[in-house]
PDB file of all heavy atoms in Angstrom:
ATOM      1  N   GLY A   1       3.692 -14.695  -7.053  1.00  0.00           N
ATOM      2  CA  GLY A   1       4.196 -16.061  -7.135  1.00  0.00           C
ATOM      3  C   GLY A   1       5.550 -16.139  -7.815  1.00  0.00           C
ATOM      4  O   GLY A   1       6.425 -16.924  -7.414  1.00  0.00           O
ATOM      5  N   LEU A   2       5.740 -15.328  -8.847  1.00  0.00           N
ATOM      6  CA  LEU A   2       7.054 -15.284  -9.517  1.00  0.00           C
ATOM      7  C   LEU A   2       8.141 -14.847  -8.546  1.00  0.00           C
ATOM      8  O   LEU A   2       9.220 -15.443  -8.487  1.00  0.00           O
ATOM      9  CB  LEU A   2       6.985 -14.319 -10.704  1.00  0.00           C
ATOM     10  CG  LEU A   2       6.305 -14.842 -11.975  1.00  0.00           C
ATOM     11  CD1 LEU A   2       5.818 -13.699 -12.840  1.00  0.00           C
ATOM     12  CD2 LEU A   2       7.275 -15.728 -12.752  1.00  0.00           C
ATOM     13  N   GLY A   3       7.861 -13.807  -7.774  1.00  0.00           N
ATOM     14  CA  GLY A   3       8.847 -13.337  -6.803  1.00  0.00           C
ATOM     15  C   GLY A   3       9.041 -14.301  -5.660  1.00  0.00           C
ATOM     16  O   GLY A   3      10.162 -14.477  -5.159  1.00  0.00           O
ATOM     17  N   LEU A   4       7.961 -14.947  -5.225  1.00  0.00           N
ATOM     18  CA  LEU A   4       8.031 -15.909  -4.125  1.00  0.00           C
ATOM     19  C   LEU A   4       8.941 -17.075  -4.462  1.00  0.00           C
ATOM     20  O   LEU A   4       9.744 -17.530  -3.643  1.00  0.00           O
ATOM     21  CB  LEU A   4       6.616 -16.407  -3.805  1.00  0.00           C
ATOM     22  CG  LEU A   4       6.433 -17.368  -2.633  1.00  0.00           C
ATOM     23  CD1 LEU A   4       6.774 -16.684  -1.317  1.00  0.00           C
ATOM     24  CD2 LEU A   4       5.001 -17.900  -2.605  1.00  0.00           C
ATOM     25  N   ALA A   5       8.825 -17.573  -5.695  1.00  0.00           N
ATOM     26  CA  ALA A   5       9.601 -18.747  -6.094  1.00  0.00           C
ATOM     27  C   ALA A   5      11.025 -18.413  -6.516  1.00  0.00           C
ATOM     28  O   ALA A   5      11.948 -19.194  -6.283  1.00  0.00           O
ATOM     29  CB  ALA A   5       8.888 -19.478  -7.233  1.00  0.00           C
ATOM     30  N   SER A   6      11.218 -17.230  -7.133  1.00  0.00           N
ATOM     31  CA  SER A   6      12.529 -16.904  -7.698  1.00  0.00           C
ATOM     32  C   SER A   6      13.401 -16.049  -6.798  1.00  0.00           C
ATOM     33  O   SER A   6      14.625 -16.048  -6.935  1.00  0.00           O
ATOM     34  CB  SER A   6      12.346 -16.175  -9.035  1.00  0.00           C
ATOM     35  OG  SER A   6      11.824 -14.866  -8.820  1.00  0.00           O
ATOM     36  N   GLY A   7      12.763 -15.289  -5.884  1.00  0.00           N
ATOM     37  CA  GLY A   7      13.534 -14.355  -5.066  1.00  0.00           C
ATOM     38  C   GLY A   7      13.881 -13.078  -5.790  1.00  0.00           C
ATOM     39  O   GLY A   7      14.562 -12.206  -5.237  1.00  0.00           O
ATOM     40  N   ARG A   8      13.408 -12.921  -7.041  1.00  0.00           N
ATOM     41  CA  ARG A   8      13.640 -11.699  -7.814  1.00  0.00           C
ATOM     42  C   ARG A   8      12.315 -10.965  -8.005  1.00  0.00           C
ATOM     43  O   ARG A   8      11.272 -11.604  -8.177  1.00  0.00           O
ATOM     44  CB  ARG A   8      14.221 -12.029  -9.199  1.00  0.00           C
ATOM     45  CG  ARG A   8      15.568 -12.719  -9.171  1.00  0.00           C
ATOM     46  CD  ARG A   8      16.114 -12.848 -10.592  1.00  0.00           C
ATOM     47  NE  ARG A   8      15.195 -13.596 -11.449  1.00  0.00           N
ATOM     48  CZ  ARG A   8      15.180 -14.917 -11.560  1.00  0.00           C
ATOM     49  NH1 ARG A   8      16.027 -15.653 -10.852  1.00  0.00           N
ATOM     50  NH2 ARG A   8      14.332 -15.519 -12.375  1.00  0.00           N
ATOM     51  N   PRO A   9      12.325  -9.637  -8.037  1.00  0.00           N
ATOM     52  CA  PRO A   9      11.060  -8.932  -8.248  1.00  0.00           C
ATOM     53  C   PRO A   9      10.547  -9.123  -9.662  1.00  0.00           C
ATOM     54  O   PRO A   9      11.315  -9.039 -10.625  1.00  0.00           O
ATOM     55  CB  PRO A   9      11.417  -7.470  -7.976  1.00  0.00           C
ATOM     56  CG  PRO A   9      12.891  -7.384  -8.250  1.00  0.00           C
ATOM     57  CD  PRO A   9      13.465  -8.716  -7.855  1.00  0.00           C
ATOM     58  N   ALA A  10       9.266  -9.424  -9.785  1.00  0.00           N
ATOM     59  CA  ALA A  10       8.605  -9.395 -11.084  1.00  0.00           C
ATOM     60  C   ALA A  10       7.884  -8.062 -11.205  1.00  0.00           C
ATOM     61  O   ALA A  10       7.468  -7.477 -10.205  1.00  0.00           O
ATOM     62  CB  ALA A  10       7.626 -10.557 -11.222  1.00  0.00           C
ATOM     63  N   VAL A  11       7.736  -7.595 -12.426  1.00  0.00           N
ATOM     64  CA  VAL A  11       7.014  -6.364 -12.696  1.00  0.00           C
ATOM     65  C   VAL A  11       5.555  -6.723 -12.976  1.00  0.00           C
ATOM     66  O   VAL A  11       5.274  -7.667 -13.719  1.00  0.00           O
ATOM     67  CB  VAL A  11       7.599  -5.633 -13.916  1.00  0.00           C
ATOM     68  CG1 VAL A  11       6.804  -4.368 -14.240  1.00  0.00           C
ATOM     69  CG2 VAL A  11       9.066  -5.291 -13.684  1.00  0.00           C
ATOM     70  N   VAL A  12       4.623  -6.002 -12.379  1.00  0.00           N
ATOM     71  CA  VAL A  12       3.217  -6.136 -12.752  1.00  0.00           C
ATOM     72  C   VAL A  12       2.717  -4.763 -13.168  1.00  0.00           C
ATOM     73  O   VAL A  12       2.938  -3.772 -12.469  1.00  0.00           O
ATOM     74  CB  VAL A  12       2.361  -6.734 -11.615  1.00  0.00           C
ATOM     75  CG1 VAL A  12       2.445  -5.924 -10.339  1.00  0.00           C
ATOM     76  CG2 VAL A  12       0.912  -6.901 -12.068  1.00  0.00           C
ATOM     77  N   VAL A  13       2.065  -4.694 -14.334  1.00  0.00           N
ATOM     78  CA  VAL A  13       1.664  -3.420 -14.930  1.00  0.00           C
ATOM     79  C   VAL A  13       0.149  -3.376 -15.088  1.00  0.00           C
ATOM     80  O   VAL A  13      -0.461  -4.322 -15.601  1.00  0.00           O
ATOM     81  CB  VAL A  13       2.325  -3.233 -16.316  1.00  0.00           C
ATOM     82  CG1 VAL A  13       1.893  -1.906 -16.928  1.00  0.00           C
ATOM     83  CG2 VAL A  13       3.838  -3.290 -16.202  1.00  0.00           C
ATOM     84  N   THR A  14      -0.466  -2.263 -14.656  1.00  0.00           N
ATOM     85  CA  THR A  14      -1.890  -2.048 -14.876  1.00  0.00           C
ATOM     86  C   THR A  14      -2.121  -0.694 -15.520  1.00  0.00           C
ATOM     87  O   THR A  14      -1.252   0.181 -15.495  1.00  0.00           O
ATOM     88  CB  THR A  14      -2.698  -2.080 -13.560  1.00  0.00           C
ATOM     89  OG1 THR A  14      -2.479  -0.850 -12.849  1.00  0.00           O
ATOM     90  CG2 THR A  14      -2.324  -3.258 -12.687  1.00  0.00           C
ATOM     91  N   THR A  15      -3.313  -0.537 -16.057  1.00  0.00           N
ATOM     92  CA  THR A  15      -3.733   0.768 -16.524  1.00  0.00           C
ATOM     93  C   THR A  15      -4.207   1.581 -15.329  1.00  0.00           C
ATOM     94  O   THR A  15      -4.087   1.142 -14.177  1.00  0.00           O
ATOM     95  CB  THR A  15      -4.829   0.638 -17.604  1.00  0.00           C
ATOM     96  OG1 THR A  15      -5.065   1.904 -18.215  1.00  0.00           O
ATOM     97  CG2 THR A  15      -6.123   0.100 -17.010  1.00  0.00           C
ATOM     98  N   SER A  16      -4.770   2.750 -15.579  1.00  0.00           N
ATOM     99  CA  SER A  16      -5.133   3.651 -14.484  1.00  0.00           C
ATOM    100  C   SER A  16      -6.516   3.338 -13.923  1.00  0.00           C
ATOM    101  O   SER A  16      -7.265   2.531 -14.466  1.00  0.00           O
ATOM    102  CB  SER A  16      -5.099   5.098 -14.983  1.00  0.00           C
ATOM    103  OG  SER A  16      -6.066   5.279 -16.008  1.00  0.00           O
ATOM    104  N   GLY A  17      -6.860   3.989 -12.818  1.00  0.00           N
ATOM    105  CA  GLY A  17      -8.181   3.850 -12.226  1.00  0.00           C
ATOM    106  C   GLY A  17      -8.287   2.656 -11.306  1.00  0.00           C
ATOM    107  O   GLY A  17      -7.323   2.268 -10.640  1.00  0.00           O
ATOM    108  N   THR A  18      -9.469   2.040 -11.271  1.00  0.00           N
ATOM    109  CA  THR A  18      -9.680   0.914 -10.357  1.00  0.00           C
ATOM    110  C   THR A  18      -8.800  -0.275 -10.709  1.00  0.00           C
ATOM    111  O   THR A  18      -8.578  -1.145  -9.864  1.00  0.00           O
ATOM    112  CB  THR A  18     -11.150   0.482 -10.354  1.00  0.00           C
ATOM    113  OG1 THR A  18     -11.562   0.166 -11.689  1.00  0.00           O
ATOM    114  CG2 THR A  18     -12.040   1.574  -9.782  1.00  0.00           C
ATOM    115  N   ALA A  19      -8.291  -0.329 -11.932  1.00  0.00           N
ATOM    116  CA  ALA A  19      -7.349  -1.395 -12.299  1.00  0.00           C
ATOM    117  C   ALA A  19      -6.137  -1.372 -11.375  1.00  0.00           C
ATOM    118  O   ALA A  19      -5.640  -2.418 -10.942  1.00  0.00           O
ATOM    119  CB  ALA A  19      -6.906  -1.229 -13.751  1.00  0.00           C
ATOM    120  N   ALA A  20      -5.678  -0.163 -11.071  1.00  0.00           N
ATOM    121  CA  ALA A  20      -4.528  -0.031 -10.168  1.00  0.00           C
ATOM    122  C   ALA A  20      -4.883  -0.486  -8.762  1.00  0.00           C
ATOM    123  O   ALA A  20      -4.076  -1.123  -8.072  1.00  0.00           O
ATOM    124  CB  ALA A  20      -4.053   1.419 -10.153  1.00  0.00           C
ATOM    125  N   VAL A  21      -6.103  -0.169  -8.323  1.00  0.00           N
ATOM    126  CA  VAL A  21      -6.534  -0.531  -6.972  1.00  0.00           C
ATOM    127  C   VAL A  21      -6.521  -2.049  -6.771  1.00  0.00           C
ATOM    128  O   VAL A  21      -6.268  -2.543  -5.673  1.00  0.00           O
ATOM    129  CB  VAL A  21      -7.945   0.036  -6.697  1.00  0.00           C
ATOM    130  CG1 VAL A  21      -8.421  -0.320  -5.299  1.00  0.00           C
ATOM    131  CG2 VAL A  21      -7.954   1.551  -6.886  1.00  0.00           C
ATOM    132  N   GLU A  22      -6.783  -2.804  -7.844  1.00  0.00           N
ATOM    133  CA  GLU A  22      -6.878  -4.260  -7.744  1.00  0.00           C
ATOM    134  C   GLU A  22      -5.560  -4.929  -7.350  1.00  0.00           C
ATOM    135  O   GLU A  22      -5.549  -6.099  -6.964  1.00  0.00           O
ATOM    136  CB  GLU A  22      -7.361  -4.850  -9.079  1.00  0.00           C
ATOM    137  CG  GLU A  22      -8.785  -4.475  -9.447  1.00  0.00           C
ATOM    138  CD  GLU A  22      -9.819  -5.094  -8.514  1.00  0.00           C
ATOM    139  OE1 GLU A  22      -9.490  -6.077  -7.837  1.00  0.00           O
ATOM    140  OE2 GLU A  22     -10.948  -4.588  -8.468  1.00  0.00           O
ATOM    141  N   LEU A  23      -4.453  -4.214  -7.426  1.00  0.00           N
ATOM    142  CA  LEU A  23      -3.158  -4.794  -7.024  1.00  0.00           C
ATOM    143  C   LEU A  23      -2.972  -4.808  -5.503  1.00  0.00           C
ATOM    144  O   LEU A  23      -2.050  -5.461  -5.002  1.00  0.00           O
ATOM    145  CB  LEU A  23      -2.001  -4.015  -7.646  1.00  0.00           C
ATOM    146  CG  LEU A  23      -1.845  -4.046  -9.164  1.00  0.00           C
ATOM    147  CD1 LEU A  23      -0.584  -3.291  -9.565  1.00  0.00           C
ATOM    148  CD2 LEU A  23      -1.797  -5.475  -9.688  1.00  0.00           C
ATOM    149  N   HIS A  24      -3.826  -4.102  -4.787  1.00  0.00           N
ATOM    150  CA  HIS A  24      -3.589  -3.903  -3.350  1.00  0.00           C
ATOM    151  C   HIS A  24      -3.454  -5.206  -2.561  1.00  0.00           C
ATOM    152  O   HIS A  24      -2.550  -5.327  -1.724  1.00  0.00           O
ATOM    153  CB  HIS A  24      -4.686  -3.023  -2.767  1.00  0.00           C
ATOM    154  CG  HIS A  24      -4.247  -2.272  -1.555  1.00  0.00           C
ATOM    155  ND1 HIS A  24      -4.891  -1.160  -1.076  1.00  0.00           N
ATOM    156  CD2 HIS A  24      -3.203  -2.465  -0.698  1.00  0.00           C
ATOM    157  CE1 HIS A  24      -4.275  -0.709  -0.002  1.00  0.00           C
ATOM    158  NE2 HIS A  24      -3.259  -1.491   0.252  1.00  0.00           N
ATOM    159  N   PRO A  25      -4.316  -6.223  -2.768  1.00  0.00           N
ATOM    160  CA  PRO A  25      -4.148  -7.456  -1.983  1.00  0.00           C
ATOM    161  C   PRO A  25      -2.779  -8.105  -2.166  1.00  0.00           C
ATOM    162  O   PRO A  25      -2.155  -8.551  -1.192  1.00  0.00           O
ATOM    163  CB  PRO A  25      -5.273  -8.362  -2.507  1.00  0.00           C
ATOM    164  CG  PRO A  25      -6.299  -7.422  -3.024  1.00  0.00           C
ATOM    165  CD  PRO A  25      -5.532  -6.275  -3.611  1.00  0.00           C
ATOM    166  N   ALA A  26      -2.300  -8.169  -3.402  1.00  0.00           N
ATOM    167  CA  ALA A  26      -0.986  -8.776  -3.646  1.00  0.00           C
ATOM    168  C   ALA A  26       0.133  -7.932  -3.048  1.00  0.00           C
ATOM    169  O   ALA A  26       1.126  -8.461  -2.532  1.00  0.00           O
ATOM    170  CB  ALA A  26      -0.755  -8.969  -5.149  1.00  0.00           C
ATOM    171  N   VAL A  27      -0.014  -6.612  -3.092  1.00  0.00           N
ATOM    172  CA  VAL A  27       0.997  -5.721  -2.504  1.00  0.00           C
ATOM    173  C   VAL A  27       1.054  -5.910  -0.994  1.00  0.00           C
ATOM    174  O   VAL A  27       2.138  -5.965  -0.395  1.00  0.00           O
ATOM    175  CB  VAL A  27       0.701  -4.257  -2.868  1.00  0.00           C
ATOM    176  CG1 VAL A  27       1.572  -3.304  -2.058  1.00  0.00           C
ATOM    177  CG2 VAL A  27       0.927  -4.026  -4.355  1.00  0.00           C
ATOM    178  N   VAL A  28      -0.108  -6.034  -0.351  1.00  0.00           N
ATOM    179  CA  VAL A  28      -0.146  -6.251   1.097  1.00  0.00           C
ATOM    180  C   VAL A  28       0.553  -7.561   1.454  1.00  0.00           C
ATOM    181  O   VAL A  28       1.352  -7.630   2.399  1.00  0.00           O
ATOM    182  CB  VAL A  28      -1.605  -6.260   1.599  1.00  0.00           C
ATOM    183  CG1 VAL A  28      -1.690  -6.796   3.017  1.00  0.00           C
ATOM    184  CG2 VAL A  28      -2.189  -4.852   1.543  1.00  0.00           C
ATOM    185  N   GLU A  29       0.273  -8.633   0.702  1.00  0.00           N
ATOM    186  CA  GLU A  29       0.916  -9.918   0.972  1.00  0.00           C
ATOM    187  C   GLU A  29       2.426  -9.826   0.753  1.00  0.00           C
ATOM    188  O   GLU A  29       3.221 -10.339   1.554  1.00  0.00           O
ATOM    189  CB  GLU A  29       0.324 -11.000   0.065  1.00  0.00           C
ATOM    190  CG  GLU A  29       1.006 -12.358   0.154  1.00  0.00           C
ATOM    191  CD  GLU A  29       0.928 -12.997   1.532  1.00  0.00           C
ATOM    192  OE1 GLU A  29      -0.038 -12.713   2.285  1.00  0.00           O
ATOM    193  OE2 GLU A  29       1.828 -13.781   1.866  1.00  0.00           O
ATOM    194  N   ALA A  30       2.838  -9.165  -0.332  1.00  0.00           N
ATOM    195  CA  ALA A  30       4.273  -9.012  -0.600  1.00  0.00           C
ATOM    196  C   ALA A  30       4.977  -8.258   0.512  1.00  0.00           C
ATOM    197  O   ALA A  30       6.110  -8.571   0.883  1.00  0.00           O
ATOM    198  CB  ALA A  30       4.480  -8.300  -1.939  1.00  0.00           C
ATOM    199  N   ASP A  31       4.290  -7.269   1.062  1.00  0.00           N
ATOM    200  CA  ASP A  31       4.859  -6.498   2.167  1.00  0.00           C
ATOM    201  C   ASP A  31       5.078  -7.389   3.389  1.00  0.00           C
ATOM    202  O   ASP A  31       6.190  -7.483   3.917  1.00  0.00           O
ATOM    203  CB  ASP A  31       3.930  -5.342   2.503  1.00  0.00           C
ATOM    204  CG  ASP A  31       4.286  -4.641   3.815  1.00  0.00           C
ATOM    205  OD1 ASP A  31       5.489  -4.542   4.125  1.00  0.00           O
ATOM    206  OD2 ASP A  31       3.369  -4.204   4.517  1.00  0.00           O
ATOM    207  N   LEU A  32       4.027  -8.058   3.833  1.00  0.00           N
ATOM    208  CA  LEU A  32       4.106  -8.819   5.084  1.00  0.00           C
ATOM    209  C   LEU A  32       4.939 -10.084   4.946  1.00  0.00           C
ATOM    210  O   LEU A  32       5.519 -10.556   5.925  1.00  0.00           O
ATOM    211  CB  LEU A  32       2.698  -9.157   5.565  1.00  0.00           C
ATOM    212  CG  LEU A  32       1.843  -7.940   5.940  1.00  0.00           C
ATOM    213  CD1 LEU A  32       0.443  -8.357   6.322  1.00  0.00           C
ATOM    214  CD2 LEU A  32       2.489  -7.158   7.080  1.00  0.00           C
TER     215      LEU A  32
END
């Protein structure tokens, strides 16, 4: 949402493991 509204990339940080996997839906939307 930050990137959608501003046009600038926001950083999102997770720890390792399944926490990282949870970013996949937002990454897919950002791609398309």
